[in-house]
Protein backbone atom coordinates (compact mmCIF):
# COMPACT_ATOMS: atom_id res chain seq x y z
CA MET A 1 0.20 0.07 0.08
CA THR A 2 1.46 3.49 -1.13
CA LYS A 3 1.23 5.98 1.72
CA PHE A 4 1.09 9.68 0.53
CA ASP A 5 2.68 12.38 2.35
CA LYS A 6 0.45 15.12 2.44
CA ALA A 7 3.00 17.83 3.17
CA LYS A 8 3.02 19.00 -0.33
CA LEU A 9 -0.35 18.14 -1.77
CA PRO A 10 -3.04 20.83 -2.02
CA SER A 11 -5.46 18.96 0.06
CA ARG A 12 -3.19 19.55 3.28
CA TYR A 13 -4.94 22.78 3.38
CA VAL A 14 -8.46 21.23 4.24
CA THR A 15 -7.48 18.15 6.10
CA GLU A 16 -4.39 18.58 7.92
CA GLY A 17 -3.62 20.11 11.69
CA PRO A 18 -5.62 21.37 14.65
CA ALA A 19 -6.99 24.57 12.54
CA ARG A 20 -8.68 22.31 9.93
CA ALA A 21 -11.06 20.72 12.35
CA PRO A 22 -14.14 22.66 11.08
CA HIS A 23 -13.20 21.61 7.55
CA ARG A 24 -12.72 17.76 8.79
CA SER A 25 -16.03 17.88 10.27
CA TYR A 26 -17.66 18.72 6.94
CA TYR A 27 -15.96 15.59 5.67
CA TYR A 28 -17.30 13.37 8.70
CA ALA A 29 -20.77 14.74 7.83
CA MET A 30 -20.56 12.96 4.35
CA GLY A 31 -19.64 9.79 6.00
CA MET A 32 -15.74 9.51 5.33
CA SER A 33 -13.41 8.03 7.87
CA GLU A 34 -10.40 9.42 9.31
CA ALA A 35 -8.42 7.36 7.08
CA GLU A 36 -10.27 8.57 3.94
CA ILE A 37 -9.74 12.16 5.15
CA HIS A 38 -5.98 11.97 5.30
CA GLN A 39 -5.90 10.49 1.89
CA PRO A 40 -5.18 12.36 -1.31
CA LEU A 41 -8.47 13.93 -2.49
CA VAL A 42 -9.21 13.25 -6.19
CA GLY A 43 -11.77 15.34 -8.13
CA VAL A 44 -13.85 13.07 -10.38
CA ALA A 45 -15.43 15.51 -12.64
CA THR A 46 -18.16 14.54 -15.28
CA CYS A 47 -20.22 16.63 -17.48
CA TRP A 48 -23.40 14.26 -16.51
CA ASN A 49 -26.67 15.91 -17.45
CA GLU A 50 -30.16 15.00 -19.21
CA ALA A 51 -29.50 17.17 -21.99
CA ALA A 52 -28.42 14.53 -24.52
CA PRO A 53 -27.59 10.81 -24.88
CA CYS A 54 -23.68 11.85 -25.01
CA ASN A 55 -23.65 12.59 -21.20
CA ILE A 56 -26.35 10.54 -19.82
CA SER A 57 -23.82 7.42 -19.32
CA LEU A 58 -21.25 9.43 -17.38
CA ASN A 59 -22.79 9.26 -14.06
CA ARG A 60 -22.43 5.43 -14.07
CA GLN A 61 -18.86 5.41 -15.24
CA ALA A 62 -18.13 7.90 -12.75
CA GLN A 63 -18.96 5.51 -9.91
CA ALA A 64 -16.49 2.94 -11.57
CA ALA A 65 -13.67 5.62 -11.67
CA LYS A 66 -14.25 6.44 -8.07
CA MET A 67 -13.83 2.54 -7.25
CA GLY A 68 -10.39 2.80 -8.96
CA VAL A 69 -9.32 5.69 -7.01
CA LYS A 70 -10.41 3.96 -3.65
CA GLU A 71 -8.80 0.59 -4.52
CA ALA A 72 -5.21 2.66 -4.92
CA HIS A 73 -5.86 4.45 -1.52
CA GLY A 74 -7.24 7.85 -2.94
CA THR A 75 -10.36 9.47 -1.78
CA PRO A 76 -12.64 10.46 -4.72
CA ARG A 77 -14.94 13.42 -4.38
CA GLU A 78 -17.42 13.67 -7.55
CA PHE A 79 -18.61 16.99 -9.04
CA THR A 80 -20.46 17.88 -12.31
CA THR A 81 -20.11 20.60 -14.68
CA ILE A 82 -22.21 21.71 -17.47
CA THR A 83 -22.60 20.61 -21.02
CA VAL A 84 -24.27 22.08 -23.94
CA THR A 85 -24.80 19.49 -26.66
CA ASP A 86 -24.32 20.48 -30.31
CA GLY A 87 -26.68 18.13 -31.68
CA ILE A 88 -29.61 19.76 -29.66
CA ALA A 89 -28.31 23.28 -29.98
CA MET A 90 -27.78 23.13 -33.48
CA GLY A 91 -29.50 25.16 -36.07
CA HIS A 92 -30.91 28.22 -33.79
CA GLU A 93 -29.90 30.54 -31.24
CA GLY A 94 -28.70 27.96 -28.70
CA MET A 95 -25.87 27.24 -30.62
CA ARG A 96 -24.16 30.30 -29.37
CA SER A 97 -23.76 28.95 -26.17
CA SER A 98 -21.76 26.01 -27.52
CA LEU A 99 -17.95 27.15 -27.95
CA ALA A 100 -18.52 29.60 -24.64
CA SER A 101 -19.47 26.26 -22.89
CA ARG A 102 -16.19 25.09 -23.37
CA GLU A 103 -14.41 27.98 -21.38
CA ALA A 104 -17.38 27.66 -18.73
CA ILE A 105 -16.41 24.01 -18.23
CA ALA A 106 -12.63 24.54 -17.85
CA ASP A 107 -13.25 27.49 -15.58
CA THR A 108 -15.73 25.77 -13.30
CA VAL A 109 -13.52 22.54 -13.03
CA GLU A 110 -10.58 24.80 -12.05
CA LEU A 111 -12.96 26.93 -9.57
CA THR A 112 -14.06 23.66 -8.14
CA MET A 113 -10.55 22.02 -7.78
CA ARG A 114 -9.09 25.14 -6.26
CA GLY A 115 -11.87 25.81 -3.94
CA HIS A 116 -11.74 22.20 -2.53
CA CYS A 117 -7.85 21.68 -2.83
CA TYR A 118 -8.21 18.40 -4.64
CA ASP A 119 -4.95 16.61 -5.46
CA ALA A 120 -5.82 15.06 -8.77
CA LEU A 121 -8.29 14.78 -11.37
CA VAL A 122 -10.08 12.17 -13.36
CA GLY A 123 -12.31 13.94 -15.96
CA LEU A 124 -15.13 12.35 -17.92
CA ALA A 125 -16.80 13.92 -20.84
CA GLY A 126 -18.96 13.07 -23.63
CA CYS A 127 -20.12 15.92 -26.09
CA ASP A 128 -18.06 18.15 -28.27
CA LYS A 129 -16.94 20.90 -26.27
CA SER A 130 -16.76 19.09 -22.88
CA LEU A 131 -13.95 17.00 -23.87
CA PRO A 132 -11.55 19.90 -24.79
CA GLY A 133 -12.97 21.94 -21.85
CA MET A 134 -12.00 19.09 -19.34
CA MET A 135 -8.44 18.68 -20.99
CA MET A 136 -7.85 22.30 -20.71
CA ALA A 137 -8.83 22.45 -17.01
CA MET A 138 -6.36 19.52 -16.56
CA VAL A 139 -3.60 21.48 -18.00
CA ARG A 140 -4.50 24.83 -16.52
CA LEU A 141 -4.30 23.42 -13.22
CA ASN A 142 -1.31 21.02 -13.90
CA VAL A 143 -2.43 18.20 -11.63
CA PRO A 144 -1.94 14.65 -12.22
CA SER A 145 -4.97 13.99 -14.60
CA VAL A 146 -6.72 11.24 -16.37
CA PHE A 147 -9.41 11.79 -19.07
CA LEU A 148 -12.02 9.33 -19.92
CA TYR A 149 -14.47 9.70 -22.80
CA GLY A 150 -18.20 8.66 -22.22
CA GLY A 151 -18.10 6.56 -25.32
CA SER A 152 -19.95 6.78 -28.72
CA ILE A 153 -23.54 6.15 -29.59
CA LEU A 154 -24.41 2.76 -31.23
CA PRO A 155 -25.33 3.14 -34.83
CA GLY A 156 -28.97 3.03 -35.76
CA ARG A 157 -30.19 0.69 -38.53
CA LEU A 158 -32.64 1.27 -41.13
CA ASP A 159 -33.34 -0.70 -44.41
CA GLY A 160 -30.19 -2.97 -43.59
CA LYS A 161 -27.93 -0.03 -43.31
CA ASP A 162 -26.09 2.06 -40.44
CA VAL A 163 -27.32 5.42 -39.88
CA THR A 164 -26.47 8.34 -37.67
CA VAL A 165 -27.59 11.64 -36.68
CA GLN A 166 -25.93 13.18 -39.61
CA ASP A 167 -28.31 11.15 -41.92
CA VAL A 168 -31.06 12.90 -40.00
CA PHE A 169 -29.79 16.37 -40.49
CA GLU A 170 -29.10 15.55 -44.38
CA ALA A 171 -32.80 13.94 -44.49
CA VAL A 172 -34.20 17.43 -43.56
CA GLY A 173 -32.60 18.71 -46.79
CA GLN A 174 -34.18 15.75 -48.65
CA HIS A 175 -37.35 16.39 -47.31
CA GLN A 176 -37.37 20.09 -47.90
CA ALA A 177 -36.43 19.09 -51.78
CA GLY A 178 -39.43 16.99 -51.87
CA ASN A 179 -37.37 13.85 -52.20
CA LEU A 180 -38.31 12.31 -48.98
CA THR A 181 -41.80 12.09 -47.14
CA THR A 182 -42.61 13.26 -43.76
CA CYS A 183 -43.53 9.77 -42.80
CA GLU A 184 -39.98 8.64 -43.97
CA LEU A 185 -38.44 11.24 -42.17
CA GLU A 186 -40.17 10.25 -39.02
CA LYS A 187 -39.38 6.83 -39.31
CA LEU A 188 -35.49 7.61 -39.44
CA GLU A 189 -35.56 10.04 -36.58
CA ALA A 190 -37.11 7.32 -34.47
CA VAL A 191 -34.13 4.84 -35.10
CA ALA A 192 -31.18 6.87 -35.84
CA CYS A 193 -30.00 7.19 -32.26
CA PRO A 194 -30.61 4.04 -30.30
CA SER A 195 -28.46 4.50 -27.15
CA ALA A 196 -26.67 6.50 -24.92
CA GLY A 197 -23.47 7.91 -26.34
CA ALA A 198 -21.96 10.78 -28.43
CA CYS A 199 -22.38 10.81 -32.11
CA GLY A 200 -20.83 8.05 -33.85
CA GLY A 201 -19.04 9.38 -36.78
CA GLN A 202 -15.62 10.94 -36.72
CA PHE A 203 -17.32 14.25 -35.84
CA THR A 204 -15.84 16.42 -32.89
CA ALA A 205 -16.59 14.15 -30.13
CA ASN A 206 -14.91 11.24 -31.52
CA THR A 207 -12.18 13.31 -33.05
CA MET A 208 -11.29 14.95 -29.50
CA ALA A 209 -11.63 11.50 -27.88
CA CYS A 210 -9.01 10.08 -30.17
CA VAL A 211 -7.13 13.07 -29.34
CA SER A 212 -7.22 12.26 -25.69
CA GLU A 213 -5.59 8.98 -26.33
CA ALA A 214 -2.90 10.56 -28.58
CA ILE A 215 -2.04 13.40 -26.44
CA GLY A 216 -1.51 11.16 -23.48
CA LEU A 217 -4.15 12.09 -21.15
CA ALA A 218 -6.34 9.00 -21.52
CA LEU A 219 -5.57 5.29 -21.08
CA MET A 220 -4.62 3.50 -24.61
CA ASN A 221 -7.90 2.21 -26.38
CA SER A 222 -10.14 3.95 -23.48
CA SER A 223 -11.87 6.00 -25.91
CA GLY A 224 -13.23 3.29 -28.27
CA ALA A 225 -16.10 1.23 -26.72
CA PRO A 226 -19.55 2.68 -27.01
CA ALA A 227 -21.18 4.06 -24.08
CA PRO A 228 -23.69 1.24 -23.52
CA TYR A 229 -20.79 -1.26 -22.99
CA GLU A 230 -20.24 -2.34 -19.64
CA SER A 231 -16.45 -2.59 -20.67
CA ARG A 232 -16.35 1.00 -20.18
CA ASP A 233 -16.70 0.69 -16.37
CA GLN A 234 -13.30 -1.29 -16.41
CA TYR A 235 -11.75 1.54 -18.35
CA ALA A 236 -13.10 3.90 -15.71
CA GLU A 237 -11.91 1.82 -12.97
CA ALA A 238 -8.46 1.53 -14.57
CA SER A 239 -8.34 5.52 -14.92
CA GLY A 240 -9.10 5.99 -11.29
CA ARG A 241 -6.32 3.60 -10.34
CA ALA A 242 -3.86 5.31 -13.23
CA VAL A 243 -4.47 8.73 -11.72
CA MET A 244 -3.33 7.60 -8.25
CA ASN A 245 -0.26 6.20 -10.05
CA LEU A 246 0.61 9.58 -11.50
CA LEU A 247 -0.04 11.27 -8.36
CA GLU A 248 2.46 8.84 -6.66
CA LYS A 249 4.89 9.61 -9.41
CA ASN A 250 4.15 13.37 -9.43
CA ILE A 251 3.72 13.11 -13.29
CA ARG A 252 1.44 16.18 -14.03
CA ALA A 253 -0.72 17.28 -17.13
CA ARG A 254 1.97 19.40 -18.57
CA ASP A 255 4.51 16.39 -18.28
CA VAL A 256 1.94 14.69 -20.51
CA VAL A 257 0.95 17.60 -22.85
CA THR A 258 3.90 18.96 -24.70
CA LEU A 259 4.53 20.04 -28.14
CA LYS A 260 5.32 16.99 -29.36
CA SER A 261 2.32 15.25 -27.89
CA LEU A 262 0.09 17.90 -29.59
CA GLN A 263 1.74 17.12 -32.86
CA ASN A 264 0.85 13.37 -32.13
CA ALA A 265 -3.00 14.57 -31.46
CA ALA A 266 -2.82 16.49 -34.83
CA ARG A 267 -1.53 13.53 -36.64
CA VAL A 268 -4.39 11.30 -35.45
CA VAL A 269 -6.89 14.05 -36.28
CA ALA A 270 -5.63 14.32 -39.86
CA CYS A 271 -5.18 10.26 -40.47
CA THR A 272 -8.77 9.64 -39.42
CA GLY A 273 -10.52 12.69 -41.25
CA GLY A 274 -11.63 14.29 -38.10
CA SER A 275 -13.41 17.31 -37.24
CA THR A 276 -12.26 20.84 -38.26
CA ASN A 277 -13.03 21.92 -34.75
CA ALA A 278 -9.78 20.23 -33.70
CA GLY A 279 -8.15 23.16 -35.37
CA LEU A 280 -9.84 25.20 -32.65
CA HIS A 281 -9.26 23.08 -29.50
CA LEU A 282 -5.61 21.94 -29.97
CA PRO A 283 -4.45 25.34 -29.82
CA ALA A 284 -6.57 26.18 -26.78
CA ILE A 285 -5.30 23.14 -24.87
CA ALA A 286 -1.77 24.51 -25.77
CA HIS A 287 -2.36 27.65 -24.64
CA GLU A 288 -3.21 26.15 -21.16
CA ALA A 289 0.31 24.85 -21.21
CA GLY A 290 1.97 27.88 -22.43
CA ILE A 291 2.85 26.27 -25.96
CA ASP A 292 2.30 28.25 -29.01
CA PHE A 293 0.62 25.78 -31.35
CA PHE A 294 -1.70 27.63 -33.60
CA LEU A 295 -3.99 26.86 -36.44
CA ASP A 296 -1.09 27.12 -38.97
CA ASP A 297 0.84 24.45 -37.01
CA VAL A 298 -1.96 22.11 -36.89
CA CYS A 299 -2.68 22.66 -40.65
CA GLU A 300 1.18 21.96 -41.18
CA ILE A 301 0.72 18.53 -39.80
CA PHE A 302 -2.51 17.78 -41.41
CA ARG A 303 -0.87 18.62 -44.87
CA ASP A 304 1.86 15.94 -44.65
CA THR A 305 -0.18 13.17 -42.71
CA PRO A 306 -1.78 10.63 -44.89
CA TYR A 307 -5.47 10.01 -44.48
CA PHE A 308 -5.93 6.12 -44.00
CA VAL A 309 -9.00 5.69 -41.46
CA ASP A 310 -12.39 5.37 -43.38
CA LEU A 311 -14.71 7.18 -41.00
CA LYS A 312 -17.86 9.00 -41.44
CA PRO A 313 -18.64 11.89 -42.60
CA GLY A 314 -15.99 11.54 -45.26
CA GLY A 315 -15.84 7.62 -45.29
CA ALA A 316 -18.08 4.63 -44.34
CA TYR A 317 -17.64 3.45 -40.67
CA VAL A 318 -18.31 4.61 -37.20
CA ALA A 319 -16.41 4.75 -33.88
CA LYS A 320 -17.62 1.13 -32.92
CA ASP A 321 -16.41 -0.22 -35.99
CA LEU A 322 -12.82 1.50 -35.45
CA TYR A 323 -12.96 0.20 -31.84
CA GLU A 324 -13.77 -3.42 -33.25
CA VAL A 325 -10.57 -3.50 -35.50
CA GLY A 326 -8.20 -2.25 -32.63
CA GLY A 327 -9.06 1.35 -32.00
CA VAL A 328 -6.60 4.59 -31.91
CA PRO A 329 -3.59 2.41 -30.72
CA VAL A 330 -3.64 0.44 -34.23
CA VAL A 331 -3.86 3.88 -35.87
CA MET A 332 -0.80 5.02 -33.78
CA LYS A 333 1.10 1.95 -34.57
CA GLU A 334 0.73 2.59 -38.55
CA LEU A 335 1.81 6.34 -37.92
CA ARG A 336 4.75 4.85 -36.17
CA LYS A 337 5.76 2.83 -39.04
CA ALA A 338 6.06 6.00 -41.24
CA GLY A 339 8.05 7.73 -38.60
CA LEU A 340 5.26 10.15 -38.02
CA LEU A 341 4.81 9.80 -34.30
CA HIS A 342 6.90 11.18 -31.29
CA GLU A 343 7.11 7.82 -29.24
CA GLU A 344 8.77 9.16 -26.12
CA CYS A 345 5.81 11.47 -25.26
CA MET A 346 4.20 10.38 -21.77
CA THR A 347 0.88 8.34 -21.46
CA ALA A 348 -1.76 8.19 -18.75
CA ASP A 349 -0.36 5.11 -17.54
CA GLY A 350 3.02 6.52 -16.66
CA THR A 351 4.70 4.81 -19.58
CA THR A 352 5.61 6.24 -22.94
CA ILE A 353 3.69 5.86 -26.09
CA GLY A 354 6.35 3.72 -27.70
CA GLU A 355 6.31 1.28 -24.54
CA ALA A 356 2.46 1.43 -24.83
CA LEU A 357 2.54 0.69 -28.50
CA ASP A 358 4.93 -2.29 -28.16
CA LYS A 359 2.37 -4.05 -26.18
CA ILE A 360 -0.41 -3.57 -29.15
CA THR A 361 -0.27 -7.04 -31.34
CA ARG A 362 -3.14 -6.04 -33.71
CA GLU A 363 -2.53 -4.59 -37.21
CA ALA A 364 -4.39 -2.39 -39.68
CA ASP A 365 -7.49 -4.47 -41.12
CA GLY A 366 -7.59 -2.83 -44.53
CA LYS A 367 -11.14 -1.84 -44.16
CA VAL A 368 -11.61 0.47 -41.41
CA ILE A 369 -7.95 1.24 -41.01
CA TYR A 370 -5.89 1.01 -44.16
CA PRO A 371 -2.14 0.40 -43.93
CA ILE A 372 -0.14 3.83 -44.06
CA SER A 373 1.75 2.42 -46.87
CA ALA A 374 -1.53 2.34 -48.92
CA PRO A 375 -3.75 5.25 -47.58
CA ILE A 376 -7.04 6.62 -48.94
CA SER A 377 -5.34 9.95 -49.88
CA LYS A 378 -1.65 11.15 -49.34
CA THR A 379 -2.55 14.05 -47.27
CA GLY A 380 -4.71 14.78 -44.21
CA GLY A 381 -8.58 14.76 -44.26
CA VAL A 382 -8.50 18.59 -43.05
CA VAL A 383 -6.63 21.26 -44.69
CA GLY A 384 -5.51 24.88 -43.82
CA LEU A 385 -6.14 27.59 -46.27
CA LYS A 386 -4.67 31.26 -46.21
CA GLY A 387 -4.84 34.36 -48.58
CA ASN A 388 -6.03 37.91 -48.65
CA LEU A 389 -9.54 36.57 -47.65
CA ALA A 390 -8.03 34.82 -44.51
CA PRO A 391 -4.87 36.49 -43.70
CA ALA A 392 -5.12 34.69 -40.23
CA GLY A 393 -6.24 31.35 -41.84
CA ALA A 394 -9.12 29.03 -42.42
CA ILE A 395 -9.81 25.42 -42.25
CA VAL A 396 -11.47 22.82 -44.48
CA LYS A 397 -12.33 19.09 -44.32
CA VAL A 398 -11.42 17.38 -47.54
CA ALA A 399 -11.75 13.63 -46.59
CA GLY A 400 -14.02 12.06 -49.00
CA MET A 401 -13.39 14.72 -51.73
CA THR A 402 -11.59 14.21 -55.18
CA GLU A 403 -8.67 16.44 -56.22
CA GLU A 404 -10.91 18.12 -58.74
CA GLN A 405 -13.53 18.98 -56.10
CA GLN A 406 -10.98 20.50 -53.89
CA VAL A 407 -10.55 23.51 -56.25
CA PHE A 408 -13.61 25.88 -56.66
CA THR A 409 -14.08 29.53 -58.24
CA GLY A 410 -17.25 31.50 -57.96
CA PRO A 411 -19.15 34.81 -57.23
CA ALA A 412 -19.90 35.41 -53.48
CA ARG A 413 -23.10 35.28 -52.15
CA VAL A 414 -23.13 37.16 -48.90
CA PHE A 415 -25.32 36.44 -45.96
CA GLU A 416 -25.17 38.32 -42.61
CA CYS A 417 -26.05 35.28 -40.61
CA GLU A 418 -26.56 31.67 -40.67
CA GLU A 419 -30.41 32.08 -40.66
CA ASP A 420 -30.35 34.02 -43.93
CA ALA A 421 -28.16 31.64 -45.64
CA PHE A 422 -30.59 28.61 -44.33
CA GLU A 423 -33.66 30.48 -45.60
CA ALA A 424 -31.76 30.85 -49.17
CA VAL A 425 -30.93 27.21 -49.26
CA LYS A 426 -34.60 26.32 -48.10
CA ALA A 427 -35.96 28.48 -50.96
CA ARG A 428 -33.35 27.36 -53.42
CA SER A 429 -32.71 31.02 -54.25
CA TYR A 430 -28.95 30.43 -54.86
CA LYS A 431 -27.16 29.11 -58.08
CA GLU A 432 -24.76 26.01 -58.88
CA GLY A 433 -21.26 27.61 -58.78
CA ASP A 434 -22.05 30.19 -56.09
CA VAL A 435 -19.59 30.59 -53.00
CA LEU A 436 -22.08 31.11 -50.09
CA VAL A 437 -20.39 33.50 -47.28
CA ILE A 438 -21.79 33.42 -43.91
CA ARG A 439 -20.27 36.25 -41.84
CA ASN A 440 -20.89 37.89 -38.10
CA GLU A 441 -20.61 34.18 -36.99
CA GLY A 442 -17.22 34.38 -35.32
CA PRO A 443 -16.40 33.99 -31.72
CA ALA A 444 -16.97 37.57 -30.72
CA GLY A 445 -19.30 38.67 -33.62
CA GLY A 446 -21.87 35.87 -33.30
CA PRO A 447 -21.30 35.69 -30.41
CA GLY A 448 -20.33 32.16 -29.87
CA MET A 449 -18.99 31.15 -33.28
CA ARG A 450 -21.89 28.79 -34.10
CA GLU A 451 -21.79 25.58 -36.30
CA MET A 452 -23.50 25.59 -39.69
CA LEU A 453 -24.77 22.11 -39.92
CA ALA A 454 -28.40 22.81 -40.74
CA THR A 455 -27.27 24.66 -43.68
CA THR A 456 -24.74 22.19 -45.01
CA ALA A 457 -26.89 19.60 -44.15
CA ALA A 458 -29.83 20.81 -46.15
CA LEU A 459 -27.42 21.69 -49.13
CA SER A 460 -26.16 17.82 -49.09
CA GLY A 461 -29.82 16.75 -48.88
CA GLN A 462 -30.60 18.83 -51.80
CA GLY A 463 -27.72 17.18 -53.82
CA MET A 464 -26.01 20.39 -54.02
CA GLY A 465 -23.19 19.99 -51.55
CA LYS A 466 -20.56 19.50 -54.43
CA LYS A 467 -22.18 22.11 -56.57
CA VAL A 468 -21.59 25.24 -54.30
CA ALA A 469 -18.90 26.22 -51.87
CA LEU A 470 -19.30 27.78 -48.38
CA ILE A 471 -17.34 30.06 -46.23
CA THR A 472 -17.70 31.57 -43.10
CA ASP A 473 -15.90 33.01 -39.86
CA GLY A 474 -18.09 30.62 -37.71
CA ARG A 475 -17.40 26.78 -37.57
CA PHE A 476 -18.69 23.59 -39.13
CA SER A 477 -19.82 20.58 -37.47
CA GLY A 478 -17.56 17.61 -37.66
CA ALA A 479 -20.50 15.89 -39.49
CA THR A 480 -20.28 18.53 -42.31
CA ARG A 481 -19.47 17.36 -45.71
CA GLY A 482 -18.72 19.27 -49.16
CA PHE A 483 -16.40 22.14 -49.74
CA CYS A 484 -17.21 24.29 -46.45
CA VAL A 485 -14.50 26.33 -45.30
CA GLY A 486 -14.68 27.72 -41.47
CA HIS A 487 -12.78 29.68 -39.01
CA VAL A 488 -11.94 32.47 -41.66
CA GLY A 489 -9.95 34.89 -39.84
CA PRO A 490 -9.70 37.68 -38.99
CA GLU A 491 -13.55 37.42 -38.25
CA ALA A 492 -15.99 40.02 -39.58
CA ALA A 493 -16.57 41.66 -36.02
CA HIS A 494 -12.74 42.45 -36.02
CA GLY A 495 -12.66 43.86 -39.44
CA GLY A 496 -11.08 40.96 -41.29
CA PRO A 497 -11.69 40.82 -45.30
CA ILE A 498 -14.90 38.61 -44.96
CA ALA A 499 -16.54 41.73 -43.43
CA LEU A 500 -15.81 43.52 -46.68
CA LEU A 501 -17.16 41.23 -49.48
CA LYS A 502 -19.88 42.06 -51.67
CA ASP A 503 -22.42 39.84 -53.79
CA GLY A 504 -20.47 38.82 -56.88
CA ASP A 505 -16.88 39.16 -55.73
CA MET A 506 -14.99 36.25 -57.14
CA ILE A 507 -13.71 34.08 -54.63
CA THR A 508 -11.10 31.10 -55.22
CA LEU A 509 -10.75 28.30 -52.94
CA ASN A 510 -7.89 25.55 -53.61
CA ALA A 511 -7.37 23.01 -50.78
CA LEU A 512 -4.46 21.63 -53.08
CA THR A 513 -2.41 24.67 -52.68
CA GLY A 514 -4.14 25.96 -49.49
CA GLU A 515 -5.39 29.09 -50.97
CA LEU A 516 -8.55 31.21 -50.06
CA SER A 517 -8.45 34.71 -51.98
CA VAL A 518 -11.02 37.08 -53.35
CA ALA A 519 -10.17 38.99 -56.86
CA LEU A 520 -9.84 42.27 -55.04
CA SER A 521 -6.32 44.23 -54.76
CA ASP A 522 -4.90 45.59 -51.59
CA GLU A 523 -6.13 48.92 -52.64
CA ASP A 524 -9.83 47.75 -53.17
CA LEU A 525 -9.80 46.09 -49.97
CA ALA A 526 -8.31 49.28 -48.10
CA ALA A 527 -10.99 51.33 -49.64
CA ARG A 528 -13.61 48.99 -48.44
CA LYS A 529 -12.20 48.85 -44.99
CA ALA A 530 -12.34 52.70 -44.95
CA ASP A 531 -16.17 52.76 -45.96
CA TRP A 532 -16.77 49.61 -43.15
CA LYS A 533 -19.37 50.65 -40.53
CA GLY A 534 -18.08 48.45 -38.09
CA PRO A 535 -19.22 45.36 -36.37
CA ARG A 536 -22.93 44.46 -36.53
CA GLU A 537 -24.82 44.89 -33.43
CA THR A 538 -25.94 41.83 -31.78
CA ILE A 539 -28.86 41.18 -29.37
CA TYR A 540 -26.47 40.00 -26.84
CA ALA A 541 -25.65 43.06 -24.64
CA SER A 542 -25.59 41.30 -21.19
CA GLY A 543 -24.88 37.98 -19.64
CA ALA A 544 -22.75 35.24 -20.27
CA LEU A 545 -22.27 35.59 -24.11
CA TRP A 546 -21.81 39.36 -23.87
CA LYS A 547 -18.82 38.58 -21.35
CA TYR A 548 -17.54 35.77 -23.83
CA ALA A 549 -17.60 38.45 -26.66
CA GLN A 550 -15.47 40.83 -24.73
CA LEU A 551 -12.79 38.46 -23.61
CA VAL A 552 -12.63 36.03 -26.63
CA GLY A 553 -9.23 36.10 -28.71
CA GLU A 554 -8.71 35.33 -32.22
CA THR A 555 -9.62 32.07 -33.81
CA TYR A 556 -6.47 30.78 -34.92
CA LYS A 557 -5.12 30.83 -31.40
CA GLY A 558 -7.85 28.75 -30.15
CA ALA A 559 -10.66 31.50 -29.25
CA VAL A 560 -9.37 31.45 -25.70
CA THR A 561 -10.60 34.01 -23.05
CA HIS A 562 -7.46 34.40 -20.81
CA PRO A 563 -3.52 34.96 -21.10
CA GLY A 564 -2.85 31.36 -20.40
CA ALA A 565 0.39 29.60 -18.96
CA LYS A 566 2.82 32.26 -20.23
CA ALA A 567 1.38 34.89 -17.88
CA GLU A 568 0.68 32.65 -14.93
CA ARG A 569 2.75 33.54 -11.71
CA HIS A 570 1.84 30.40 -9.74
CA VAL A 571 1.14 26.72 -10.42
CA TYR A 572 -2.09 25.63 -8.45
CA MET A 573 -0.44 22.28 -7.48
CA ASP A 574 2.56 23.95 -5.78
CA LEU A 575 0.66 26.72 -3.80
């Protein structure tokens, strides 16, 4: 049995010495024994709620994680934080809360840990923003930390085929186009999501779940099993034991999250055709460690990483299929074969990635995971773009697109917000060859940087996904398909060139050369800037979204709201 010396642990402030008798009396009130009070206190944080299937199973898994902490002579203290679930927030004003919720999650986990002086953290998360939010808190606090994904949803079945929520979003477009009856739509919606768990394709939740393993904060293969599988409880228990091992060895979150481990994570996003949102979340996690790892850096890795894992939305399979052929460890083994992995990075079990991968016996199956020597395409599924329309960069998912589909020139059709664009798509008042521009949807200008899945799914449902292009200073869902460029920076509210576009301006998008430009000279743009009336007023003049809009920084740096580790004057763990 390991005896922990509390002399250097934060929890000494609430459990040790005569002056802490009142604090200890509170712990006795909750049924804790004297021994439990004097063990390390481990925060077990979940994003459990009844908002959506992504979070509903976290409560169960937290109990198992607590058992693991107890077995390893720690005292677990469970607490919950918020989640905003994109699938339900999508396509209306609620989506403005989504990205802001990432910061709220990180902030509330930080405040809870600080307020109660917990020594280590096991964090469980299910939906898109809750994963990076939880990882950001771990790195910000720099405590020994283990992350656990709640698991993906099982695929639905209809007419002998697997279906996901992406199919339902796209069916709305087919219904609007008159190609699907209301009865057929209702049949699909009733079976598409048959269990607890987060969206099953390689959308943002599963992308960031893969990141949690690749970056080293989660145990190997822990992200793969679907949420309803009881085997998740064994991963949860192991995560509880693992965090006590890290605490004993004093291995902290920033020992794990380094520039090299962030690069490993970006590789895994690229080769799985992951969500463009990783281009926002990896810089934000890096920021908490004081590391400069911006959109450009992420995209550079995307550019020279082969895409070899065939997952929806660009491919055919879902998370459960990836798990059944060996999961993220087999993917990382393929990357290692090509020399694309930093093997010396630390993992959650206290060993290096190289040591952990040496134990993995399975190989690429050739169907879900192609061998890296024969990839689906030679470059990553996600590409960065730059040019006079996006001086601070932009990002596009090209997984599943042919080379000729990755070049597009057309006249701008400008919309001041997503609703206007969605109405135009619904009414089909756009033309083949148009470049739809949705502006004022950035982090500050939205506020909240909404995802545009309703609009892009409607285009796909109308069969126009490949016949138009779309650019925005907002975001796209990981489920978006087609030539859809997000994160255009600087955003319209900050006076970026996207704010200056007019209908008919000729825009060129080229994912092969990484270009996003408009046929206007610097003088033209400067003249338009001089005439610019300033940011559009929003209805959010108070409250959390107002506060977020005031604080939020540039998209390419991760849309963060505080100065980060470079400015800090203490580390919580050492107070």
